Each structure stands twice: as structure tokens, then as C-alpha cells.
Amino acid sequence: MTTSVTSFSASSLPPGSAVLVTGAAGFIGSHVCDHLVNNGHRIIAVDDLSTGRRSNLSHLEGRDDVTIHVADVCDAGALSAVIDPKKCL
């Protein structure tokens, strides 16, 4: 069995892209949010706070380019309230 890993770079996204970050309040997710925002992208941050901490995103609260939602990504109803499927690739 072969596993491939695709490299990702924020610079490969068109400027101002909206990016959904799940697990955004966790250690890694919050750093991903920081990196994306610092590279000019808009963030839709989703976390159910089961292991992540809201305080990991507190420095991003109130920004026009960041939206934070407390929701479980396994809950289709909650997720559909967060994203517009017509705008997703």
C-alpha cells in the first residue's frame, strides 16, 4: 500500500481565499489559522472545544477576516450553518 502526502502552502491559494480550519482551537489548528491570516486569507474557524481551547484563538477574535464557530464537524446541520456549499471547491 502506498500513501501519498500532498504538500500545502498558503501561498498557493489565491489572495483573500476563505479557508475552513477544523480543530481551529487546538495547538496545531490555531497556528494554522495564524499562518493563513498572516498570509492574507480569511478564516472560518470551527472547533467543538472538546480538546481545544477558545483562548488559543482569542487574539483573532474581532477581526473582520476571521469567523469563529463552536460546532462539531460531525454534525451536518451545524456545519451547514457555518459554510455555504455553493462557495466550496
C-alpha atoms as a PDB file:
ATOM      1  CA  MET A   1       0.000   0.000   0.000  1.00  0.00           C
ATOM      2  CA  THR A   2       1.335   3.406  -0.961  1.00  0.00           C
ATOM      3  CA  THR A   3       0.406   6.571   0.831  1.00  0.00           C
ATOM      4  CA  SER A   4       0.958   9.944  -0.755  1.00  0.00           C
ATOM      5  CA  VAL A   5       1.155  13.222   1.061  1.00  0.00           C
ATOM      6  CA  THR A   6       0.313  16.428  -0.722  1.00  0.00           C
ATOM      7  CA  SER A   7       2.281  19.473   0.258  1.00  0.00           C
ATOM      8  CA  PHE A   8       0.257  22.562   1.082  1.00  0.00           C
ATOM      9  CA  SER A   9       1.352  26.153   1.072  1.00  0.00           C
ATOM     10  CA  ALA A  10      -0.756  29.176   1.956  1.00  0.00           C
ATOM     11  CA  SER A  11       0.941  30.981  -0.935  1.00  0.00           C
ATOM     12  CA  SER A  12      -0.641  28.510  -3.377  1.00  0.00           C
ATOM     13  CA  LEU A  13      -4.102  29.890  -2.563  1.00  0.00           C
ATOM     14  CA  PRO A  14      -5.478  32.939  -4.355  1.00  0.00           C
ATOM     15  CA  PRO A  15      -5.129  36.065  -2.189  1.00  0.00           C
ATOM     16  CA  GLY A  16      -8.063  36.583   0.142  1.00  0.00           C
ATOM     17  CA  SER A  17      -9.257  32.974  -0.090  1.00  0.00           C
ATOM     18  CA  ALA A  18     -11.664  31.825   2.601  1.00  0.00           C
ATOM     19  CA  VAL A  19     -10.274  28.748   4.334  1.00  0.00           C
ATOM     20  CA  LEU A  20     -12.205  26.420   6.639  1.00  0.00           C
ATOM     21  CA  VAL A  21      -9.980  25.283   9.516  1.00  0.00           C
ATOM     22  CA  THR A  22     -11.382  22.442  11.607  1.00  0.00           C
ATOM     23  CA  GLY A  23      -9.901  21.854  15.020  1.00  0.00           C
ATOM     24  CA  ALA A  24      -9.023  25.538  14.970  1.00  0.00           C
ATOM     25  CA  ALA A  25      -8.816  25.961  18.751  1.00  0.00           C
ATOM     26  CA  GLY A  26      -6.235  23.222  19.138  1.00  0.00           C
ATOM     27  CA  PHE A  27      -2.493  23.800  19.230  1.00  0.00           C
ATOM     28  CA  ILE A  28      -1.888  22.972  15.565  1.00  0.00           C
ATOM     29  CA  GLY A  29      -5.176  24.410  14.278  1.00  0.00           C
ATOM     30  CA  SER A  30      -4.608  27.770  15.960  1.00  0.00           C
ATOM     31  CA  HIS A  31      -1.148  28.009  14.404  1.00  0.00           C
ATOM     32  CA  VAL A  32      -2.594  27.132  11.003  1.00  0.00           C
ATOM     33  CA  CYS A  33      -5.112  29.964  11.472  1.00  0.00           C
ATOM     34  CA  ASP A  34      -2.302  32.385  12.369  1.00  0.00           C
ATOM     35  CA  HIS A  35      -0.298  31.392   9.315  1.00  0.00           C
ATOM     36  CA  LEU A  36      -3.246  31.748   6.956  1.00  0.00           C
ATOM     37  CA  VAL A  37      -4.344  35.109   8.361  1.00  0.00           C
ATOM     38  CA  ASN A  38      -0.759  36.396   8.208  1.00  0.00           C
ATOM     39  CA  ASN A  39      -0.749  35.440   4.524  1.00  0.00           C
ATOM     40  CA  GLY A  40      -3.884  37.456   3.741  1.00  0.00           C
ATOM     41  CA  HIS A  41      -6.545  34.751   3.866  1.00  0.00           C
ATOM     42  CA  ARG A  42      -9.949  34.777   5.527  1.00  0.00           C
ATOM     43  CA  ILE A  43     -10.556  32.089   8.140  1.00  0.00           C
ATOM     44  CA  ILE A  44     -13.667  30.169   9.075  1.00  0.00           C
ATOM     45  CA  ALA A  45     -12.532  28.514  12.300  1.00  0.00           C
ATOM     46  CA  VAL A  46     -14.558  25.562  13.605  1.00  0.00           C
ATOM     47  CA  ASP A  47     -13.941  23.653  16.823  1.00  0.00           C
ATOM     48  CA  ASP A  48     -16.190  21.891  19.331  1.00  0.00           C
ATOM     49  CA  LEU A  49     -13.731  22.754  22.138  1.00  0.00           C
ATOM     50  CA  SER A  50     -13.627  19.132  23.286  1.00  0.00           C
ATOM     51  CA  THR A  51      -9.835  19.279  23.410  1.00  0.00           C
ATOM     52  CA  GLY A  52      -9.024  22.713  22.005  1.00  0.00           C
ATOM     53  CA  ARG A  53      -9.189  25.957  23.951  1.00  0.00           C
ATOM     54  CA  ARG A  54     -11.007  29.108  22.907  1.00  0.00           C
ATOM     55  CA  SER A  55      -8.106  31.060  24.398  1.00  0.00           C
ATOM     56  CA  ASN A  56      -5.902  29.735  21.560  1.00  0.00           C
ATOM     57  CA  LEU A  57      -7.969  31.898  19.206  1.00  0.00           C
ATOM     58  CA  SER A  58      -8.588  34.884  21.488  1.00  0.00           C
ATOM     59  CA  HIS A  59      -6.045  37.046  19.651  1.00  0.00           C
ATOM     60  CA  LEU A  60      -8.018  36.530  16.409  1.00  0.00           C
ATOM     61  CA  GLU A  61     -11.450  37.387  17.826  1.00  0.00           C
ATOM     62  CA  GLY A  62     -12.972  40.585  16.495  1.00  0.00           C
ATOM     63  CA  ARG A  63     -11.046  40.546  13.222  1.00  0.00           C
ATOM     64  CA  ASP A  64     -13.062  41.069  10.044  1.00  0.00           C
ATOM     65  CA  ASP A  65     -11.182  38.256   8.311  1.00  0.00           C
ATOM     66  CA  VAL A  66     -11.820  35.615  10.991  1.00  0.00           C
ATOM     67  CA  THR A  67     -15.089  33.923  11.926  1.00  0.00           C
ATOM     68  CA  ILE A  68     -15.057  31.532  14.877  1.00  0.00           C
ATOM     69  CA  HIS A  69     -17.744  28.877  15.320  1.00  0.00           C
ATOM     70  CA  VAL A  70     -18.123  26.437  18.193  1.00  0.00           C
ATOM     71  CA  ALA A  71     -19.509  23.388  16.401  1.00  0.00           C
ATOM     72  CA  ASP A  72     -18.858  19.706  15.857  1.00  0.00           C
ATOM     73  CA  VAL A  73     -17.812  18.982  12.273  1.00  0.00           C
ATOM     74  CA  CYS A  74     -19.576  15.605  12.542  1.00  0.00           C
ATOM     75  CA  ASP A  75     -22.888  17.454  12.929  1.00  0.00           C
ATOM     76  CA  ALA A  76     -24.019  18.138   9.361  1.00  0.00           C
ATOM     77  CA  GLY A  77     -26.639  20.647  10.475  1.00  0.00           C
ATOM     78  CA  ALA A  78     -24.154  22.677  12.465  1.00  0.00           C
ATOM     79  CA  LEU A  79     -21.619  22.572   9.662  1.00  0.00           C
ATOM     80  CA  SER A  80     -24.131  23.645   7.013  1.00  0.00           C
ATOM     81  CA  ALA A  81     -24.899  26.695   9.157  1.00  0.00           C
ATOM     82  CA  VAL A  82     -21.199  27.581   9.089  1.00  0.00           C
ATOM     83  CA  ILE A  83     -20.363  27.147   5.398  1.00  0.00           C
ATOM     84  CA  ASP A  84     -22.140  27.778   2.132  1.00  0.00           C
ATOM     85  CA  PRO A  85     -21.707  24.636  -0.013  1.00  0.00           C
ATOM     86  CA  LYS A  86     -22.117  26.737  -3.164  1.00  0.00           C
ATOM     87  CA  LYS A  87     -18.901  28.574  -2.302  1.00  0.00           C
ATOM     88  CA  CYS A  88     -16.810  25.478  -1.597  1.00  0.00           C
ATOM     89  CA  LEU A  89     -14.458  23.822  -4.007  1.00  0.00           C
END
